[in-house]
Amino acid sequence: MRNNWSNSYINQSKNSIKFYYEVVLGMPNRFYQIERPKKERKLPTVLSKSEVRELINVTRNIKHKCILSLLYSAGLRRSEVLNLKPKDIDSKRMLIKVNDAKGNKDRFTLLAKSTLTDLRTYYKLYRPQTYLFEGQKKEKYSPTSIARIITSAVRKTSIKKHVTAHTFRHSFATHLLENGTDLRHIQMLLGHSSTKTTEIYTHVASNTFNSITNPIDL
């Protein structure tokens, strides 16, 4: 009985047992015949452009609005938004520098004009000191705070999808692909080390299906 454990959890457990017997106890390899479940491949949840706009527009607090705008328009991970500093916003080149991202890699991503306008309004009001987004005591903003912002925005709309910070990033990549952006450019903007990771968006982009006529319409 699997108790609804995920395939990745089962594989991790088997790897731990294998390591204990073979490396810690020095026993010969006896685990080649253990059947392993296939790695799950779930498609990401993607918002439509109108849904993204709705979530951003119902968010009245300018700080919260900027956070949602950056998650989508720059394709940032939640941790990347939290680690941003004011100096990372390059308004002259319309780029955002992401420092020490996943895999300890730096990269640049896009800065939208509308997001820059909101950021300027936000900066004049809040005057962040170290990080671009800070709490009341000028400490780094927390991941749970971003989760609450998203939950609050979703509740103000009729959107039924499960929306997280990463949903905005998935939507950013998918919409770029639908608009004809090269997959390698999307890979660079997202900071993926391999195009294989980025290729998942070809399975959810609407233009993948545009050339297929539904048989009921024939």
N, C-alpha and C. Protein backbone atom coordinates (compact mmCIF):
# COMPACT_ATOMS: atom_id res chain seq x y z
N MET A 1 0.85 -1.20 0.00
CA MET A 1 0.00 0.00 0.00
C MET A 1 0.88 1.24 0.00
N ARG A 2 0.63 2.18 -0.93
CA ARG A 2 1.54 3.31 -1.11
C ARG A 2 1.19 4.51 -0.24
N ASN A 3 0.00 4.52 0.35
CA ASN A 3 -0.41 5.66 1.19
C ASN A 3 -0.36 6.98 0.44
N ASN A 4 -0.61 6.94 -0.86
CA ASN A 4 -0.63 8.16 -1.68
C ASN A 4 0.70 8.91 -1.71
N TRP A 5 1.80 8.19 -1.48
CA TRP A 5 3.12 8.82 -1.57
C TRP A 5 3.43 9.11 -3.03
N SER A 6 4.15 10.22 -3.27
CA SER A 6 4.52 10.57 -4.64
C SER A 6 5.64 9.65 -5.13
N ASN A 7 5.77 9.57 -6.45
CA ASN A 7 6.83 8.74 -7.02
C ASN A 7 8.21 9.23 -6.61
N SER A 8 8.39 10.56 -6.53
CA SER A 8 9.70 11.11 -6.15
C SER A 8 10.02 10.76 -4.70
N TYR A 9 9.01 10.75 -3.82
CA TYR A 9 9.23 10.38 -2.42
C TYR A 9 9.65 8.92 -2.30
N ILE A 10 9.00 8.06 -3.08
CA ILE A 10 9.34 6.63 -3.06
C ILE A 10 10.77 6.43 -3.56
N ASN A 11 11.14 7.11 -4.63
CA ASN A 11 12.49 6.99 -5.17
C ASN A 11 13.54 7.48 -4.18
N GLN A 12 13.25 8.59 -3.51
CA GLN A 12 14.18 9.12 -2.51
C GLN A 12 14.36 8.14 -1.36
N SER A 13 13.27 7.51 -0.94
CA SER A 13 13.34 6.52 0.14
C SER A 13 14.19 5.32 -0.26
N LYS A 14 14.02 4.86 -1.49
CA LYS A 14 14.79 3.71 -1.98
C LYS A 14 16.27 4.07 -2.11
N ASN A 15 16.54 5.31 -2.53
CA ASN A 15 17.93 5.75 -2.63
C ASN A 15 18.59 5.79 -1.25
N SER A 16 17.83 6.20 -0.23
CA SER A 16 18.37 6.27 1.13
C SER A 16 18.70 4.88 1.65
N ILE A 17 17.81 3.93 1.38
CA ILE A 17 18.04 2.54 1.81
C ILE A 17 19.25 1.97 1.08
N LYS A 18 19.33 2.23 -0.21
CA LYS A 18 20.44 1.75 -1.04
C LYS A 18 21.77 2.31 -0.52
N PHE A 19 21.79 3.60 -0.20
CA PHE A 19 23.00 4.24 0.32
C PHE A 19 23.41 3.61 1.64
N TYR A 20 22.44 3.35 2.53
CA TYR A 20 22.75 2.80 3.85
C TYR A 20 23.40 1.43 3.74
N TYR A 21 22.81 0.56 2.93
CA TYR A 21 23.33 -0.80 2.83
C TYR A 21 24.64 -0.87 2.05
N GLU A 22 24.75 -0.10 0.98
CA GLU A 22 25.92 -0.24 0.12
C GLU A 22 27.10 0.62 0.58
N VAL A 23 26.85 1.82 1.06
CA VAL A 23 27.93 2.72 1.45
C VAL A 23 28.24 2.63 2.94
N VAL A 24 27.21 2.71 3.77
CA VAL A 24 27.44 2.69 5.22
C VAL A 24 27.84 1.29 5.69
N LEU A 25 27.09 0.28 5.27
CA LEU A 25 27.38 -1.09 5.71
C LEU A 25 28.35 -1.81 4.79
N GLY A 26 28.61 -1.28 3.61
CA GLY A 26 29.56 -1.89 2.69
C GLY A 26 29.10 -3.19 2.09
N MET A 27 27.81 -3.38 1.99
CA MET A 27 27.28 -4.62 1.42
C MET A 27 27.24 -4.53 -0.11
N PRO A 28 27.29 -5.67 -0.80
CA PRO A 28 27.23 -5.64 -2.27
C PRO A 28 25.89 -5.11 -2.76
N ASN A 29 25.89 -4.63 -3.99
CA ASN A 29 24.68 -4.05 -4.56
C ASN A 29 23.63 -5.13 -4.77
N ARG A 30 22.53 -4.99 -4.07
CA ARG A 30 21.45 -5.96 -4.20
C ARG A 30 20.13 -5.30 -4.65
N PHE A 31 20.24 -4.11 -5.16
CA PHE A 31 19.02 -3.34 -5.38
C PHE A 31 18.73 -3.04 -6.85
N TYR A 32 19.45 -3.70 -7.76
CA TYR A 32 19.20 -3.46 -9.18
C TYR A 32 17.79 -3.89 -9.58
N GLN A 33 17.27 -4.92 -8.91
CA GLN A 33 16.00 -5.50 -9.32
C GLN A 33 14.79 -4.80 -8.71
N ILE A 34 15.03 -3.83 -7.84
CA ILE A 34 13.90 -3.12 -7.22
C ILE A 34 13.21 -2.25 -8.27
N GLU A 35 11.94 -2.46 -8.42
CA GLU A 35 11.18 -1.68 -9.40
C GLU A 35 10.99 -0.26 -8.89
N ARG A 36 11.28 0.70 -9.75
CA ARG A 36 11.13 2.10 -9.38
C ARG A 36 9.97 2.71 -10.16
N PRO A 37 9.17 3.52 -9.51
CA PRO A 37 8.09 4.20 -10.25
C PRO A 37 8.67 5.25 -11.18
N LYS A 38 7.98 5.49 -12.28
CA LYS A 38 8.44 6.49 -13.22
C LYS A 38 8.25 7.87 -12.63
N LYS A 39 9.16 8.77 -12.97
CA LYS A 39 9.08 10.13 -12.47
C LYS A 39 7.83 10.80 -13.02
N GLU A 40 7.09 11.44 -12.10
CA GLU A 40 5.85 12.10 -12.52
C GLU A 40 6.17 13.32 -13.37
N ARG A 41 5.34 13.54 -14.37
CA ARG A 41 5.51 14.72 -15.21
C ARG A 41 4.17 15.44 -15.28
N LYS A 42 3.99 16.38 -14.39
CA LYS A 42 2.75 17.13 -14.34
C LYS A 42 2.93 18.46 -15.07
N LEU A 43 1.93 18.83 -15.82
CA LEU A 43 1.98 20.10 -16.55
C LEU A 43 1.71 21.25 -15.60
N PRO A 44 2.38 22.39 -15.82
CA PRO A 44 2.19 23.54 -14.92
C PRO A 44 0.83 24.20 -15.13
N THR A 45 0.34 24.82 -14.07
CA THR A 45 -0.87 25.63 -14.17
C THR A 45 -0.50 26.97 -14.80
N VAL A 46 -1.26 27.38 -15.79
CA VAL A 46 -0.97 28.63 -16.51
C VAL A 46 -2.20 29.52 -16.49
N LEU A 47 -1.98 30.78 -16.19
CA LEU A 47 -3.04 31.79 -16.23
C LEU A 47 -3.12 32.39 -17.62
N SER A 48 -4.28 32.83 -18.02
CA SER A 48 -4.39 33.59 -19.26
C SER A 48 -3.88 35.01 -19.00
N LYS A 49 -3.62 35.75 -20.06
CA LYS A 49 -3.14 37.13 -19.89
C LYS A 49 -4.18 37.98 -19.17
N SER A 50 -5.45 37.75 -19.47
CA SER A 50 -6.50 38.53 -18.81
C SER A 50 -6.59 38.19 -17.33
N GLU A 51 -6.35 36.93 -16.98
CA GLU A 51 -6.36 36.54 -15.57
C GLU A 51 -5.20 37.18 -14.81
N VAL A 52 -4.03 37.23 -15.45
CA VAL A 52 -2.88 37.88 -14.82
C VAL A 52 -3.18 39.35 -14.57
N ARG A 53 -3.71 40.03 -15.60
CA ARG A 53 -4.04 41.45 -15.47
C ARG A 53 -5.06 41.67 -14.36
N GLU A 54 -6.04 40.78 -14.29
CA GLU A 54 -7.08 40.91 -13.27
C GLU A 54 -6.48 40.80 -11.86
N LEU A 55 -5.61 39.84 -11.65
CA LEU A 55 -4.99 39.65 -10.34
C LEU A 55 -4.14 40.86 -9.94
N ILE A 56 -3.44 41.41 -10.90
CA ILE A 56 -2.60 42.59 -10.60
C ILE A 56 -3.48 43.81 -10.35
N ASN A 57 -4.53 43.97 -11.14
CA ASN A 57 -5.38 45.17 -11.04
C ASN A 57 -6.24 45.20 -9.78
N VAL A 58 -6.62 44.02 -9.25
CA VAL A 58 -7.43 44.02 -8.02
C VAL A 58 -6.57 44.24 -6.78
N THR A 59 -5.27 44.23 -6.96
CA THR A 59 -4.34 44.44 -5.84
C THR A 59 -4.07 45.93 -5.69
N ARG A 60 -4.64 46.54 -4.68
CA ARG A 60 -4.58 48.00 -4.52
C ARG A 60 -3.31 48.48 -3.82
N ASN A 61 -2.80 47.69 -2.90
CA ASN A 61 -1.56 48.07 -2.22
C ASN A 61 -0.42 48.08 -3.23
N ILE A 62 0.27 49.21 -3.36
CA ILE A 62 1.29 49.37 -4.41
C ILE A 62 2.46 48.40 -4.23
N LYS A 63 2.84 48.12 -2.99
CA LYS A 63 3.92 47.14 -2.76
C LYS A 63 3.50 45.77 -3.25
N HIS A 64 2.29 45.36 -2.88
CA HIS A 64 1.79 44.05 -3.29
C HIS A 64 1.64 43.97 -4.80
N LYS A 65 1.19 45.05 -5.39
CA LYS A 65 1.02 45.09 -6.85
C LYS A 65 2.37 44.92 -7.55
N CYS A 66 3.39 45.59 -7.03
CA CYS A 66 4.74 45.47 -7.62
C CYS A 66 5.26 44.04 -7.53
N ILE A 67 4.99 43.39 -6.42
CA ILE A 67 5.46 42.01 -6.24
C ILE A 67 4.81 41.08 -7.27
N LEU A 68 3.50 41.20 -7.43
CA LEU A 68 2.82 40.36 -8.42
C LEU A 68 3.29 40.69 -9.83
N SER A 69 3.50 41.96 -10.10
CA SER A 69 3.96 42.38 -11.43
C SER A 69 5.33 41.79 -11.75
N LEU A 70 6.21 41.77 -10.76
CA LEU A 70 7.56 41.23 -10.97
C LEU A 70 7.54 39.71 -11.13
N LEU A 71 6.69 39.03 -10.36
CA LEU A 71 6.58 37.58 -10.51
C LEU A 71 6.22 37.20 -11.94
N TYR A 72 5.32 37.99 -12.52
CA TYR A 72 4.87 37.68 -13.89
C TYR A 72 5.76 38.30 -14.95
N SER A 73 5.94 39.61 -14.93
CA SER A 73 6.59 40.31 -16.05
C SER A 73 8.08 40.01 -16.15
N ALA A 74 8.69 39.52 -15.06
CA ALA A 74 10.11 39.18 -15.10
C ALA A 74 10.34 37.67 -14.97
N GLY A 75 9.26 36.92 -14.73
CA GLY A 75 9.39 35.47 -14.61
C GLY A 75 10.24 35.05 -13.43
N LEU A 76 10.13 35.80 -12.33
CA LEU A 76 10.99 35.54 -11.17
C LEU A 76 10.42 34.47 -10.25
N ARG A 77 11.31 33.73 -9.62
CA ARG A 77 10.91 32.85 -8.53
C ARG A 77 10.61 33.71 -7.31
N ARG A 78 9.84 33.17 -6.38
CA ARG A 78 9.50 33.92 -5.17
C ARG A 78 10.75 34.34 -4.41
N SER A 79 11.71 33.43 -4.27
CA SER A 79 12.95 33.75 -3.55
C SER A 79 13.73 34.86 -4.24
N GLU A 80 13.65 34.90 -5.57
CA GLU A 80 14.36 35.92 -6.33
C GLU A 80 13.76 37.31 -6.12
N VAL A 81 12.45 37.36 -6.01
CA VAL A 81 11.79 38.63 -5.70
C VAL A 81 12.20 39.11 -4.32
N LEU A 82 12.24 38.20 -3.37
CA LEU A 82 12.58 38.56 -1.99
C LEU A 82 14.02 39.03 -1.86
N ASN A 83 14.91 38.54 -2.71
CA ASN A 83 16.33 38.90 -2.63
C ASN A 83 16.70 40.13 -3.45
N LEU A 84 15.75 40.67 -4.20
CA LEU A 84 16.05 41.85 -5.01
C LEU A 84 16.43 43.04 -4.14
N LYS A 85 17.36 43.83 -4.67
CA LYS A 85 17.74 45.09 -4.04
C LYS A 85 17.46 46.23 -5.02
N PRO A 86 17.25 47.44 -4.52
CA PRO A 86 16.94 48.55 -5.43
C PRO A 86 17.93 48.70 -6.58
N LYS A 87 19.21 48.44 -6.32
CA LYS A 87 20.23 48.60 -7.35
C LYS A 87 20.12 47.56 -8.46
N ASP A 88 19.35 46.50 -8.23
CA ASP A 88 19.19 45.46 -9.25
C ASP A 88 18.23 45.87 -10.36
N ILE A 89 17.50 46.96 -10.15
CA ILE A 89 16.55 47.45 -11.16
C ILE A 89 17.28 48.44 -12.06
N ASP A 90 17.57 48.03 -13.28
CA ASP A 90 18.30 48.86 -14.24
C ASP A 90 17.30 49.50 -15.20
N SER A 91 16.84 50.70 -14.84
CA SER A 91 15.80 51.36 -15.63
C SER A 91 16.33 51.88 -16.96
N LYS A 92 17.63 52.12 -17.07
CA LYS A 92 18.19 52.62 -18.34
C LYS A 92 18.22 51.51 -19.39
N ARG A 93 18.53 50.30 -18.99
CA ARG A 93 18.58 49.17 -19.92
C ARG A 93 17.29 48.35 -19.90
N MET A 94 16.37 48.71 -18.99
CA MET A 94 15.10 48.00 -18.83
C MET A 94 15.34 46.52 -18.56
N LEU A 95 16.25 46.28 -17.62
CA LEU A 95 16.59 44.92 -17.22
C LEU A 95 16.60 44.82 -15.69
N ILE A 96 16.45 43.60 -15.22
CA ILE A 96 16.55 43.30 -13.79
C ILE A 96 17.67 42.30 -13.61
N LYS A 97 18.61 42.59 -12.72
CA LYS A 97 19.68 41.63 -12.44
C LYS A 97 19.26 40.72 -11.29
N VAL A 98 19.34 39.42 -11.54
CA VAL A 98 19.00 38.43 -10.53
C VAL A 98 20.31 37.83 -10.03
N ASN A 99 20.65 38.08 -8.79
CA ASN A 99 21.92 37.64 -8.23
C ASN A 99 21.78 36.33 -7.45
N ASP A 100 22.78 35.48 -7.60
CA ASP A 100 22.83 34.21 -6.85
C ASP A 100 21.50 33.46 -6.91
N ALA A 101 21.00 33.29 -8.13
CA ALA A 101 19.75 32.55 -8.31
C ALA A 101 20.00 31.06 -8.13
N LYS A 102 19.03 30.24 -8.49
CA LYS A 102 19.16 28.80 -8.34
C LYS A 102 20.40 28.31 -9.07
N GLY A 103 21.23 27.52 -8.39
CA GLY A 103 22.48 27.07 -8.97
C GLY A 103 23.59 28.10 -8.83
N ASN A 104 23.37 29.11 -7.97
CA ASN A 104 24.36 30.18 -7.73
C ASN A 104 24.75 30.92 -9.01
N LYS A 105 23.76 31.12 -9.87
CA LYS A 105 24.03 31.80 -11.14
C LYS A 105 23.36 33.16 -11.15
N ASP A 106 24.06 34.15 -11.71
CA ASP A 106 23.46 35.46 -11.95
C ASP A 106 22.85 35.47 -13.35
N ARG A 107 21.84 36.29 -13.52
CA ARG A 107 21.25 36.43 -14.87
C ARG A 107 20.52 37.77 -14.94
N PHE A 108 20.17 38.15 -16.15
CA PHE A 108 19.32 39.32 -16.37
C PHE A 108 17.98 38.86 -16.91
N THR A 109 16.94 39.58 -16.54
CA THR A 109 15.62 39.32 -17.09
C THR A 109 14.95 40.66 -17.41
N LEU A 110 13.74 40.59 -17.93
CA LEU A 110 13.08 41.78 -18.47
C LEU A 110 12.47 42.67 -17.38
N LEU A 111 12.48 43.97 -17.64
CA LEU A 111 11.80 44.94 -16.79
C LEU A 111 10.71 45.60 -17.64
N ALA A 112 9.46 45.40 -17.28
CA ALA A 112 8.35 45.97 -18.05
C ALA A 112 8.17 47.45 -17.72
N LYS A 113 7.74 48.22 -18.69
CA LYS A 113 7.54 49.66 -18.49
C LYS A 113 6.49 49.93 -17.42
N SER A 114 5.41 49.19 -17.45
CA SER A 114 4.35 49.39 -16.45
C SER A 114 4.83 49.04 -15.05
N THR A 115 5.66 48.00 -14.96
CA THR A 115 6.21 47.60 -13.66
C THR A 115 7.16 48.67 -13.14
N LEU A 116 7.96 49.24 -14.02
CA LEU A 116 8.89 50.31 -13.62
C LEU A 116 8.12 51.51 -13.08
N THR A 117 7.02 51.88 -13.73
CA THR A 117 6.20 52.99 -13.27
C THR A 117 5.68 52.74 -11.85
N ASP A 118 5.18 51.53 -11.62
CA ASP A 118 4.68 51.17 -10.28
C ASP A 118 5.81 51.13 -9.26
N LEU A 119 6.98 50.63 -9.66
CA LEU A 119 8.12 50.56 -8.74
C LEU A 119 8.56 51.96 -8.31
N ARG A 120 8.52 52.90 -9.22
CA ARG A 120 8.91 54.28 -8.87
C ARG A 120 7.94 54.88 -7.86
N THR A 121 6.64 54.62 -8.05
CA THR A 121 5.63 55.09 -7.09
C THR A 121 5.86 54.43 -5.74
N TYR A 122 6.09 53.12 -5.77
CA TYR A 122 6.32 52.36 -4.54
C TYR A 122 7.56 52.87 -3.80
N TYR A 123 8.63 53.10 -4.54
CA TYR A 123 9.90 53.51 -3.90
C TYR A 123 9.74 54.85 -3.18
N LYS A 124 9.02 55.78 -3.78
CA LYS A 124 8.83 57.10 -3.16
C LYS A 124 8.04 56.99 -1.86
N LEU A 125 7.12 56.02 -1.80
CA LEU A 125 6.29 55.85 -0.62
C LEU A 125 6.98 55.08 0.50
N TYR A 126 7.73 54.03 0.13
CA TYR A 126 8.27 53.11 1.13
C TYR A 126 9.75 53.31 1.43
N ARG A 127 10.50 53.85 0.51
CA ARG A 127 11.94 54.07 0.70
C ARG A 127 12.66 52.86 1.29
N PRO A 128 12.65 51.73 0.60
CA PRO A 128 13.34 50.53 1.11
C PRO A 128 14.83 50.80 1.28
N GLN A 129 15.44 50.18 2.27
CA GLN A 129 16.83 50.45 2.59
C GLN A 129 17.79 49.41 2.02
N THR A 130 17.59 48.16 2.37
CA THR A 130 18.51 47.10 1.90
C THR A 130 17.89 46.30 0.77
N TYR A 131 16.73 45.74 1.05
CA TYR A 131 16.04 44.94 0.04
C TYR A 131 14.93 45.77 -0.61
N LEU A 132 14.59 45.43 -1.84
CA LEU A 132 13.56 46.17 -2.55
C LEU A 132 12.22 46.07 -1.81
N PHE A 133 11.95 44.89 -1.24
CA PHE A 133 10.72 44.70 -0.47
C PHE A 133 11.06 44.32 0.96
N GLU A 134 10.61 45.14 1.88
CA GLU A 134 10.94 44.95 3.29
C GLU A 134 9.68 45.00 4.14
N GLY A 135 9.77 44.38 5.33
CA GLY A 135 8.66 44.40 6.27
C GLY A 135 8.63 45.72 7.03
N GLN A 136 7.77 45.79 8.03
CA GLN A 136 7.60 47.02 8.80
C GLN A 136 8.86 47.43 9.55
N LYS A 137 9.68 46.45 9.92
CA LYS A 137 10.92 46.74 10.65
C LYS A 137 12.13 46.75 9.72
N LYS A 138 11.87 46.92 8.42
CA LYS A 138 12.91 46.99 7.39
C LYS A 138 13.66 45.67 7.22
N GLU A 139 13.05 44.57 7.68
CA GLU A 139 13.64 43.25 7.43
C GLU A 139 13.19 42.74 6.08
N LYS A 140 13.88 41.72 5.56
CA LYS A 140 13.50 41.15 4.26
C LYS A 140 12.08 40.63 4.32
N TYR A 141 11.33 40.90 3.27
CA TYR A 141 9.95 40.44 3.18
C TYR A 141 9.92 38.91 3.21
N SER A 142 8.85 38.33 3.75
CA SER A 142 8.81 36.88 3.94
C SER A 142 8.06 36.16 2.84
N PRO A 143 8.38 34.88 2.61
CA PRO A 143 7.67 34.08 1.61
C PRO A 143 6.18 33.95 1.92
N THR A 144 5.83 33.83 3.21
CA THR A 144 4.42 33.69 3.58
C THR A 144 3.64 34.97 3.27
N SER A 145 4.31 36.10 3.33
CA SER A 145 3.65 37.37 2.99
C SER A 145 3.25 37.38 1.52
N ILE A 146 4.13 36.88 0.65
CA ILE A 146 3.81 36.82 -0.78
C ILE A 146 2.66 35.84 -1.02
N ALA A 147 2.68 34.72 -0.32
CA ALA A 147 1.60 33.74 -0.47
C ALA A 147 0.25 34.37 -0.07
N ARG A 148 0.26 35.17 0.98
CA ARG A 148 -0.98 35.83 1.42
C ARG A 148 -1.46 36.86 0.40
N ILE A 149 -0.52 37.57 -0.22
CA ILE A 149 -0.88 38.55 -1.25
C ILE A 149 -1.61 37.86 -2.40
N ILE A 150 -1.07 36.72 -2.83
CA ILE A 150 -1.66 35.98 -3.95
C ILE A 150 -3.03 35.43 -3.58
N THR A 151 -3.14 34.85 -2.39
CA THR A 151 -4.42 34.31 -1.93
C THR A 151 -5.48 35.39 -1.87
N SER A 152 -5.10 36.56 -1.36
CA SER A 152 -6.02 37.68 -1.26
C SER A 152 -6.48 38.15 -2.64
N ALA A 153 -5.55 38.22 -3.58
CA ALA A 153 -5.89 38.66 -4.94
C ALA A 153 -6.83 37.68 -5.61
N VAL A 154 -6.56 36.38 -5.48
CA VAL A 154 -7.40 35.36 -6.11
C VAL A 154 -8.82 35.42 -5.57
N ARG A 155 -8.96 35.64 -4.27
CA ARG A 155 -10.28 35.69 -3.64
C ARG A 155 -11.14 36.85 -4.16
N LYS A 156 -10.50 37.87 -4.69
CA LYS A 156 -11.22 39.02 -5.21
C LYS A 156 -11.67 38.82 -6.66
N THR A 157 -11.30 37.69 -7.23
CA THR A 157 -11.64 37.38 -8.62
C THR A 157 -12.49 36.11 -8.68
N SER A 158 -12.85 35.73 -9.88
CA SER A 158 -13.61 34.49 -10.09
C SER A 158 -12.70 33.35 -10.55
N ILE A 159 -11.40 33.54 -10.46
CA ILE A 159 -10.43 32.53 -10.90
C ILE A 159 -10.49 31.31 -9.99
N LYS A 160 -10.64 30.15 -10.60
CA LYS A 160 -10.76 28.90 -9.84
C LYS A 160 -9.46 28.08 -9.83
N LYS A 161 -8.48 28.51 -10.58
CA LYS A 161 -7.21 27.78 -10.64
C LYS A 161 -6.44 27.92 -9.32
N HIS A 162 -5.60 26.92 -9.06
CA HIS A 162 -4.72 27.00 -7.88
C HIS A 162 -3.52 27.88 -8.26
N VAL A 163 -3.46 29.06 -7.70
CA VAL A 163 -2.44 30.04 -8.08
C VAL A 163 -1.39 30.18 -6.99
N THR A 164 -0.14 30.03 -7.37
CA THR A 164 0.99 30.25 -6.46
C THR A 164 1.94 31.24 -7.12
N ALA A 165 2.99 31.60 -6.41
CA ALA A 165 3.99 32.50 -7.00
C ALA A 165 4.56 31.91 -8.28
N HIS A 166 4.76 30.60 -8.29
CA HIS A 166 5.35 29.96 -9.47
C HIS A 166 4.39 29.94 -10.65
N THR A 167 3.09 30.05 -10.38
CA THR A 167 2.11 30.10 -11.47
C THR A 167 2.36 31.32 -12.36
N PHE A 168 2.75 32.43 -11.75
CA PHE A 168 3.05 33.64 -12.53
C PHE A 168 4.27 33.40 -13.42
N ARG A 169 5.26 32.71 -12.89
CA ARG A 169 6.48 32.40 -13.66
C ARG A 169 6.14 31.47 -14.83
N HIS A 170 5.32 30.44 -14.56
CA HIS A 170 4.89 29.55 -15.63
C HIS A 170 4.13 30.32 -16.72
N SER A 171 3.29 31.25 -16.29
CA SER A 171 2.49 32.02 -17.23
C SER A 171 3.37 32.93 -18.08
N PHE A 172 4.36 33.55 -17.46
CA PHE A 172 5.33 34.39 -18.18
C PHE A 172 5.99 33.61 -19.31
N ALA A 173 6.50 32.42 -18.99
CA ALA A 173 7.20 31.60 -19.99
C ALA A 173 6.25 31.15 -21.10
N THR A 174 5.06 30.73 -20.72
CA THR A 174 4.09 30.24 -21.70
C THR A 174 3.66 31.35 -22.65
N HIS A 175 3.40 32.53 -22.10
CA HIS A 175 2.95 33.65 -22.94
C HIS A 175 4.07 34.11 -23.89
N LEU A 176 5.31 34.07 -23.43
CA LEU A 176 6.43 34.39 -24.32
C LEU A 176 6.48 33.41 -25.48
N LEU A 177 6.32 32.13 -25.16
CA LEU A 177 6.37 31.09 -26.20
C LEU A 177 5.22 31.27 -27.18
N GLU A 178 4.05 31.59 -26.68
CA GLU A 178 2.89 31.81 -27.54
C GLU A 178 3.08 33.02 -28.45
N ASN A 179 3.88 33.98 -27.98
CA ASN A 179 4.14 35.19 -28.79
C ASN A 179 5.29 35.00 -29.77
N GLY A 180 5.87 33.78 -29.80
CA GLY A 180 6.92 33.48 -30.78
C GLY A 180 8.33 33.65 -30.28
N THR A 181 8.53 33.88 -28.98
CA THR A 181 9.89 34.01 -28.44
C THR A 181 10.61 32.67 -28.53
N ASP A 182 11.85 32.71 -28.96
CA ASP A 182 12.66 31.49 -29.09
C ASP A 182 12.83 30.81 -27.73
N LEU A 183 12.77 29.49 -27.74
CA LEU A 183 12.86 28.71 -26.51
C LEU A 183 14.16 28.96 -25.75
N ARG A 184 15.25 29.18 -26.50
CA ARG A 184 16.55 29.43 -25.85
C ARG A 184 16.54 30.76 -25.11
N HIS A 185 15.84 31.76 -25.66
CA HIS A 185 15.73 33.04 -24.97
C HIS A 185 14.91 32.90 -23.69
N ILE A 186 13.85 32.10 -23.76
CA ILE A 186 13.04 31.87 -22.57
C ILE A 186 13.87 31.15 -21.51
N GLN A 187 14.65 30.18 -21.94
CA GLN A 187 15.54 29.46 -21.03
C GLN A 187 16.47 30.42 -20.32
N MET A 188 17.03 31.37 -21.05
CA MET A 188 17.96 32.34 -20.49
C MET A 188 17.26 33.25 -19.47
N LEU A 189 16.06 33.71 -19.82
CA LEU A 189 15.32 34.60 -18.92
C LEU A 189 14.91 33.90 -17.63
N LEU A 190 14.58 32.62 -17.74
CA LEU A 190 14.16 31.86 -16.55
C LEU A 190 15.34 31.36 -15.73
N GLY A 191 16.52 31.29 -16.34
CA GLY A 191 17.68 30.78 -15.64
C GLY A 191 17.74 29.27 -15.58
N HIS A 192 17.12 28.60 -16.56
CA HIS A 192 17.19 27.14 -16.62
C HIS A 192 18.55 26.71 -17.16
N SER A 193 19.12 25.68 -16.59
CA SER A 193 20.42 25.20 -17.06
C SER A 193 20.29 24.35 -18.32
N SER A 194 19.10 23.84 -18.59
CA SER A 194 18.89 22.98 -19.76
C SER A 194 17.58 23.36 -20.45
N THR A 195 17.58 23.27 -21.78
CA THR A 195 16.34 23.55 -22.53
C THR A 195 15.28 22.49 -22.25
N LYS A 196 15.69 21.32 -21.76
CA LYS A 196 14.72 20.27 -21.47
C LYS A 196 13.73 20.73 -20.41
N THR A 197 14.22 21.52 -19.45
CA THR A 197 13.33 22.04 -18.42
C THR A 197 12.34 23.03 -19.02
N THR A 198 12.82 23.86 -19.95
CA THR A 198 11.99 24.89 -20.56
C THR A 198 10.98 24.30 -21.54
N GLU A 199 11.30 23.14 -22.11
CA GLU A 199 10.43 22.53 -23.12
C GLU A 199 9.06 22.14 -22.58
N ILE A 200 8.90 22.08 -21.27
CA ILE A 200 7.61 21.73 -20.69
C ILE A 200 6.53 22.69 -21.15
N TYR A 201 6.93 23.94 -21.45
CA TYR A 201 5.94 24.96 -21.82
C TYR A 201 5.38 24.75 -23.23
N THR A 202 6.06 23.96 -24.02
CA THR A 202 5.51 23.64 -25.35
C THR A 202 4.27 22.78 -25.23
N HIS A 203 4.09 22.13 -24.08
CA HIS A 203 2.94 21.25 -23.87
C HIS A 203 1.71 22.02 -23.38
N VAL A 204 1.90 23.28 -22.99
CA VAL A 204 0.76 24.06 -22.49
C VAL A 204 0.49 25.31 -23.32
N ALA A 205 1.43 25.69 -24.19
CA ALA A 205 1.24 26.88 -25.02
C ALA A 205 0.10 26.66 -26.00
N SER A 206 -0.81 27.62 -26.08
CA SER A 206 -2.01 27.45 -26.92
C SER A 206 -1.66 27.36 -28.40
N ASN A 207 -0.57 28.01 -28.85
CA ASN A 207 -0.25 27.98 -30.27
C ASN A 207 0.21 26.58 -30.72
N THR A 208 0.54 25.72 -29.75
CA THR A 208 0.87 24.33 -30.10
C THR A 208 -0.33 23.65 -30.73
N PHE A 209 -1.53 24.08 -30.35
CA PHE A 209 -2.76 23.42 -30.79
C PHE A 209 -3.52 24.22 -31.85
N ASN A 210 -3.02 25.42 -32.18
CA ASN A 210 -3.76 26.29 -33.10
C ASN A 210 -3.92 25.70 -34.50
N SER A 211 -2.94 24.90 -34.93
CA SER A 211 -3.01 24.34 -36.29
C SER A 211 -3.85 23.08 -36.37
N ILE A 212 -4.38 22.64 -35.22
CA ILE A 212 -5.17 21.39 -35.19
C ILE A 212 -6.66 21.77 -35.16
N THR A 213 -7.41 21.25 -36.12
CA THR A 213 -8.84 21.50 -36.16
C THR A 213 -9.57 20.42 -35.37
N ASN A 214 -10.39 20.85 -34.43
CA ASN A 214 -11.16 19.89 -33.65
C ASN A 214 -12.10 19.12 -34.58
N PRO A 215 -12.16 17.79 -34.46
CA PRO A 215 -12.98 17.00 -35.38
C PRO A 215 -14.47 17.36 -35.35
N ILE A 216 -14.95 17.92 -34.23
CA ILE A 216 -16.37 18.29 -34.16
C ILE A 216 -16.67 19.51 -35.03
N ASP A 217 -15.61 20.27 -35.35
CA ASP A 217 -15.77 21.47 -36.18
C ASP A 217 -15.56 21.19 -37.66
N LEU A 218 -15.18 19.96 -38.02
CA LEU A 218 -14.94 19.63 -39.42
C LEU A 218 -16.25 19.50 -40.19
